[in-house]
Structure formats: C-alpha cells, structure tokens
N, C-alpha and C. Protein backbone atom coordinates (compact mmCIF):
# COMPACT_ATOMS: atom_id res chain seq x y z
N MET A 1 0.96 -1.37 0.09
CA MET A 1 0.08 0.17 0.09
C MET A 1 0.90 1.18 -0.22
N ALA A 2 2.07 0.87 0.62
CA ALA A 2 2.94 2.33 0.66
C ALA A 2 3.54 2.62 -0.81
N TYR A 3 3.50 1.83 -1.85
CA TYR A 3 4.06 1.88 -2.84
C TYR A 3 2.89 2.80 -3.45
N LEU A 4 1.77 2.71 -3.45
CA LEU A 4 0.51 3.31 -4.07
C LEU A 4 0.10 4.55 -3.62
N SER A 5 0.56 4.94 -2.49
CA SER A 5 0.62 6.11 -1.67
C SER A 5 1.66 7.33 -2.24
N ALA A 6 2.70 6.39 -2.72
CA ALA A 6 4.05 7.08 -3.47
C ALA A 6 3.68 7.81 -4.89
N LEU A 7 2.50 7.16 -5.31
CA LEU A 7 2.75 7.62 -6.72
C LEU A 7 1.57 8.47 -6.94
N GLY A 8 1.49 9.14 -8.03
CA GLY A 8 0.66 10.18 -8.17
C GLY A 8 -0.87 9.75 -8.19
N ALA A 9 -1.91 10.51 -8.47
CA ALA A 9 -2.93 9.78 -8.46
C ALA A 9 -3.41 9.01 -10.00
N VAL A 10 -2.79 9.85 -11.14
CA VAL A 10 -3.01 9.49 -12.09
C VAL A 10 -2.67 7.91 -12.55
N GLU A 11 -1.06 7.85 -11.68
CA GLU A 11 -0.31 6.64 -12.20
C GLU A 11 -0.93 5.65 -10.98
N ALA A 12 -1.24 5.80 -9.87
CA ALA A 12 -2.10 4.80 -8.89
C ALA A 12 -3.42 4.32 -9.65
N THR A 13 -4.41 5.33 -10.30
CA THR A 13 -5.32 5.23 -11.06
C THR A 13 -5.14 3.92 -12.11
N LEU A 14 -3.87 4.45 -12.79
CA LEU A 14 -3.79 3.40 -14.03
C LEU A 14 -3.23 1.78 -13.73
N LEU A 15 -2.73 2.09 -12.54
CA LEU A 15 -2.01 0.77 -12.14
C LEU A 15 -3.09 -0.15 -11.52
N CYS A 16 -3.92 0.45 -10.83
CA CYS A 16 -5.35 -0.38 -10.43
C CYS A 16 -5.95 -0.66 -11.54
N THR A 17 -6.18 0.00 -12.22
CA THR A 17 -7.27 -0.36 -13.17
C THR A 17 -6.30 -1.36 -14.34
N LEU A 18 -4.93 -1.34 -14.33
CA LEU A 18 -4.77 -2.42 -15.55
C LEU A 18 -4.88 -3.66 -14.57
N PHE A 19 -4.33 -3.69 -13.32
CA PHE A 19 -4.52 -4.62 -12.30
C PHE A 19 -5.74 -5.55 -12.34
N SER A 20 -6.84 -4.93 -11.96
CA SER A 20 -8.35 -5.01 -11.98
C SER A 20 -8.41 -5.67 -13.53
N TRP A 21 -7.93 -5.20 -14.82
CA TRP A 21 -8.52 -5.79 -16.00
C TRP A 21 -7.41 -7.12 -16.29
N GLY A 22 -6.31 -7.37 -15.60
CA GLY A 22 -5.71 -8.43 -15.87
C GLY A 22 -5.96 -9.64 -14.99
N MET A 23 -6.80 -9.29 -13.85
CA MET A 23 -7.46 -10.42 -13.01
C MET A 23 -8.75 -10.57 -13.91
N THR A 24 -9.25 -9.51 -14.24
CA THR A 24 -11.01 -10.16 -15.45
C THR A 24 -10.36 -10.96 -16.52
N ALA A 25 -9.24 -10.60 -17.39
CA ALA A 25 -8.53 -11.59 -18.26
C ALA A 25 -8.28 -12.49 -17.67
N LEU A 26 -7.68 -12.52 -16.76
CA LEU A 26 -7.41 -14.28 -16.29
C LEU A 26 -8.39 -15.13 -15.88
N GLY A 27 -9.27 -14.50 -15.31
CA GLY A 27 -10.50 -15.22 -15.08
C GLY A 27 -11.33 -15.90 -16.11
N ALA A 28 -11.22 -14.66 -17.29
CA ALA A 28 -11.66 -15.50 -18.74
C ALA A 28 -10.93 -16.27 -18.79
N VAL A 29 -9.78 -16.28 -19.10
CA VAL A 29 -8.93 -17.26 -19.81
C VAL A 29 -9.30 -18.63 -19.08
N VAL A 30 -9.37 -19.13 -17.47
CA VAL A 30 -9.60 -20.14 -17.17
C VAL A 30 -11.02 -20.57 -17.54
N VAL A 31 -12.32 -19.67 -17.79
CA VAL A 31 -13.15 -20.10 -18.36
C VAL A 31 -12.99 -20.48 -19.58
N PHE A 32 -12.41 -20.26 -20.69
CA PHE A 32 -12.32 -20.80 -21.98
C PHE A 32 -11.50 -22.06 -22.11
N CYS A 33 -10.89 -22.37 -21.07
CA CYS A 33 -9.68 -23.48 -21.16
C CYS A 33 -10.93 -24.87 -21.08
N PHE A 34 -11.84 -24.48 -20.24
CA PHE A 34 -12.66 -25.45 -19.33
C PHE A 34 -13.79 -25.83 -20.54
N ARG A 35 -14.22 -27.06 -21.42
CA ARG A 35 -15.36 -26.88 -22.05
C ARG A 35 -16.41 -27.42 -21.23
N GLN A 36 -16.43 -28.53 -20.35
CA GLN A 36 -17.16 -28.82 -19.92
C GLN A 36 -17.01 -28.61 -18.01
N VAL A 37 -18.60 -28.03 -17.30
CA VAL A 37 -17.84 -28.24 -16.09
C VAL A 37 -19.13 -28.79 -15.57
N LYS A 38 -18.79 -29.59 -14.40
CA LYS A 38 -19.69 -30.15 -13.68
C LYS A 38 -21.00 -29.44 -12.81
N GLU A 39 -22.13 -29.89 -12.86
CA GLU A 39 -23.09 -28.92 -12.70
C GLU A 39 -22.73 -28.70 -11.07
N SER A 40 -22.69 -29.60 -10.23
CA SER A 40 -22.46 -29.29 -8.67
C SER A 40 -21.37 -28.12 -8.76
N VAL A 41 -20.04 -28.29 -9.60
CA VAL A 41 -19.14 -27.01 -9.72
C VAL A 41 -19.57 -25.58 -9.78
N MET A 42 -20.48 -25.65 -11.00
CA MET A 42 -21.31 -24.26 -11.47
C MET A 42 -21.73 -24.00 -10.47
N THR A 43 -22.70 -25.03 -9.94
CA THR A 43 -23.59 -24.29 -8.64
C THR A 43 -22.86 -23.42 -7.52
N LEU A 44 -21.58 -24.29 -7.36
CA LEU A 44 -20.82 -23.92 -6.21
C LEU A 44 -20.32 -22.47 -6.72
N PHE A 45 -20.05 -21.97 -7.95
CA PHE A 45 -19.53 -20.85 -8.48
C PHE A 45 -20.70 -19.84 -8.25
N LEU A 46 -21.53 -20.25 -8.59
CA LEU A 46 -22.53 -19.36 -8.69
C LEU A 46 -23.14 -18.99 -7.42
N GLY A 47 -23.18 -19.77 -6.47
CA GLY A 47 -23.58 -19.17 -5.08
C GLY A 47 -22.44 -18.29 -4.35
N PHE A 48 -21.04 -18.79 -4.78
CA PHE A 48 -20.15 -17.79 -4.14
C PHE A 48 -19.94 -16.69 -4.60
N GLY A 49 -20.41 -16.57 -6.08
CA GLY A 49 -20.49 -15.05 -6.88
C GLY A 49 -21.56 -14.33 -6.06
N ALA A 50 -22.61 -14.85 -6.37
CA ALA A 50 -23.93 -14.40 -5.79
C ALA A 50 -23.68 -13.70 -4.24
N GLY A 51 -22.69 -14.49 -3.44
CA GLY A 51 -22.25 -13.98 -2.07
C GLY A 51 -21.51 -13.07 -2.32
N VAL A 52 -20.54 -12.91 -3.08
CA VAL A 52 -19.47 -11.95 -3.20
C VAL A 52 -20.44 -10.60 -3.51
N MET A 53 -21.14 -10.75 -4.22
CA MET A 53 -22.03 -9.48 -4.79
C MET A 53 -23.06 -9.14 -3.62
N LEU A 54 -23.32 -10.02 -2.83
CA LEU A 54 -24.13 -9.46 -1.67
C LEU A 54 -23.79 -8.77 -0.82
N ALA A 55 -22.47 -9.10 -0.27
CA ALA A 55 -21.82 -8.56 0.57
C ALA A 55 -21.19 -7.11 0.05
N ALA A 56 -20.85 -7.21 -1.16
CA ALA A 56 -20.29 -6.17 -1.71
C ALA A 56 -21.27 -5.21 -1.76
N SER A 57 -22.35 -5.26 -2.06
CA SER A 57 -23.88 -4.34 -2.30
C SER A 57 -24.25 -3.91 -0.83
N VAL A 58 -23.69 -5.06 0.49
CA VAL A 58 -24.38 -4.48 1.79
C VAL A 58 -23.07 -3.27 2.26
N TRP A 59 -22.03 -4.14 2.35
CA TRP A 59 -21.00 -3.20 2.78
C TRP A 59 -20.81 -1.69 1.86
N SER A 60 -20.79 -1.79 0.69
CA SER A 60 -20.15 -0.65 0.13
C SER A 60 -21.18 -0.18 -0.15
N LEU A 61 -22.36 -0.30 -0.24
CA LEU A 61 -23.70 0.99 -0.76
C LEU A 61 -24.79 1.02 0.26
N LEU A 62 -25.38 -0.30 0.63
CA LEU A 62 -26.47 -0.33 1.81
C LEU A 62 -25.85 0.45 3.08
N LEU A 63 -24.96 0.25 3.67
CA LEU A 63 -24.52 0.67 5.24
C LEU A 63 -24.36 2.28 4.85
N PRO A 64 -23.42 2.72 3.77
CA PRO A 64 -23.29 4.28 3.68
C PRO A 64 -24.11 4.95 3.42
N ALA A 65 -25.52 4.20 2.73
CA ALA A 65 -26.70 4.39 2.20
C ALA A 65 -27.39 4.95 3.38
N LEU A 66 -27.38 3.96 4.45
CA LEU A 66 -27.89 4.33 5.83
C LEU A 66 -27.31 5.29 6.57
N GLU A 67 -25.97 5.32 6.64
CA GLU A 67 -25.24 6.28 7.49
C GLU A 67 -25.62 7.70 6.88
N GLN A 68 -25.65 8.21 5.69
CA GLN A 68 -25.92 9.15 5.08
C GLN A 68 -27.36 9.86 4.99
N SER A 69 -28.35 8.70 4.67
CA SER A 69 -29.54 9.06 4.74
C SER A 69 -30.25 9.27 6.19
N GLY A 70 -29.65 8.60 7.39
CA GLY A 70 -30.42 8.77 8.56
C GLY A 70 -31.63 8.12 8.99
N ASN A 71 -32.35 7.70 7.88
CA ASN A 71 -33.61 6.99 7.76
C ASN A 71 -33.29 5.28 7.14
N VAL A 72 -34.20 4.34 7.50
CA VAL A 72 -33.77 3.05 7.06
C VAL A 72 -34.76 3.09 5.89
N LEU A 73 -35.87 3.97 5.34
CA LEU A 73 -37.03 3.43 4.53
C LEU A 73 -36.59 4.11 3.44
N CYS A 74 -35.59 4.87 2.90
CA CYS A 74 -35.25 5.13 1.56
C CYS A 74 -33.99 3.99 1.25
N PRO A 75 -32.92 4.06 1.73
CA PRO A 75 -32.29 2.94 1.71
C PRO A 75 -33.23 1.33 1.34
N ALA A 76 -33.79 1.03 2.26
CA ALA A 76 -34.43 -0.12 2.00
C ALA A 76 -35.24 -0.24 0.73
N LEU A 77 -35.76 0.57 0.34
CA LEU A 77 -36.83 0.57 -0.94
C LEU A 77 -35.61 0.70 -1.86
N GLY A 78 -34.69 1.29 -1.73
CA GLY A 78 -33.92 1.41 -3.16
C GLY A 78 -33.52 0.31 -3.33
N PHE A 79 -32.88 -0.63 -2.13
CA PHE A 79 -32.23 -1.93 -2.22
C PHE A 79 -33.22 -2.97 -2.60
N ALA A 80 -34.40 -3.07 -2.16
CA ALA A 80 -35.54 -4.03 -2.66
C ALA A 80 -35.57 -3.52 -4.46
N ALA A 81 -35.81 -2.38 -4.36
CA ALA A 81 -36.11 -2.12 -5.77
C ALA A 81 -35.02 -2.65 -7.07
N GLY A 82 -33.93 -2.49 -6.59
CA GLY A 82 -32.84 -2.87 -7.11
C GLY A 82 -32.66 -4.33 -7.41
N GLY A 83 -33.08 -5.09 -6.19
CA GLY A 83 -33.32 -6.53 -6.07
C GLY A 83 -34.11 -6.98 -6.98
N GLY A 84 -35.56 -6.34 -7.24
CA GLY A 84 -36.35 -6.62 -8.18
C GLY A 84 -36.46 -6.49 -9.63
N PHE A 85 -35.32 -5.65 -9.68
CA PHE A 85 -34.64 -5.42 -11.13
C PHE A 85 -34.12 -6.55 -11.64
C-alpha cells in the first residue's frame, strides 16, 4: 500500500485499473480452458459469486446509504427495487 501512496493519482489509478483488467482477463482465460464443468461445481461458483456480490452491495452501498440518509426507509426501498430489477 505504501507503493501506491508514493505514486501520483493518475499513475495509481492506471496501475489499479490495469490490475483489475488483468485479473478479469485471467478469469476469462480460465473459463475458456474448460469446455465442460460439472453442474455441482457450477452451482458452487454461482453461489460464491452471489455471496460476494451480496456482501459488496451491503457493505459498500447499503451501509453507507443508511449512514448518510439517517433513516431506513429510503435505502431499504432502493435495495428492494434493485433486487427486483
């Protein structure tokens, strides 16, 4: 982390963007290497992905929205509407 703080804002942003792109590309390469995946493994991966996205939406979106709004109704309605879509 000290390395990133020593960089300028543009350089740090570029480095983090390239890292994210590289990890996404690596995940895509793994998908293309396997033609057949057992249904139980696919179910495990889908459940893991759903859990990660649910955790990200709660801790990165819902909790800050609750802190900023001061009430529960607006963030809860937005969260429910997003889930509905």
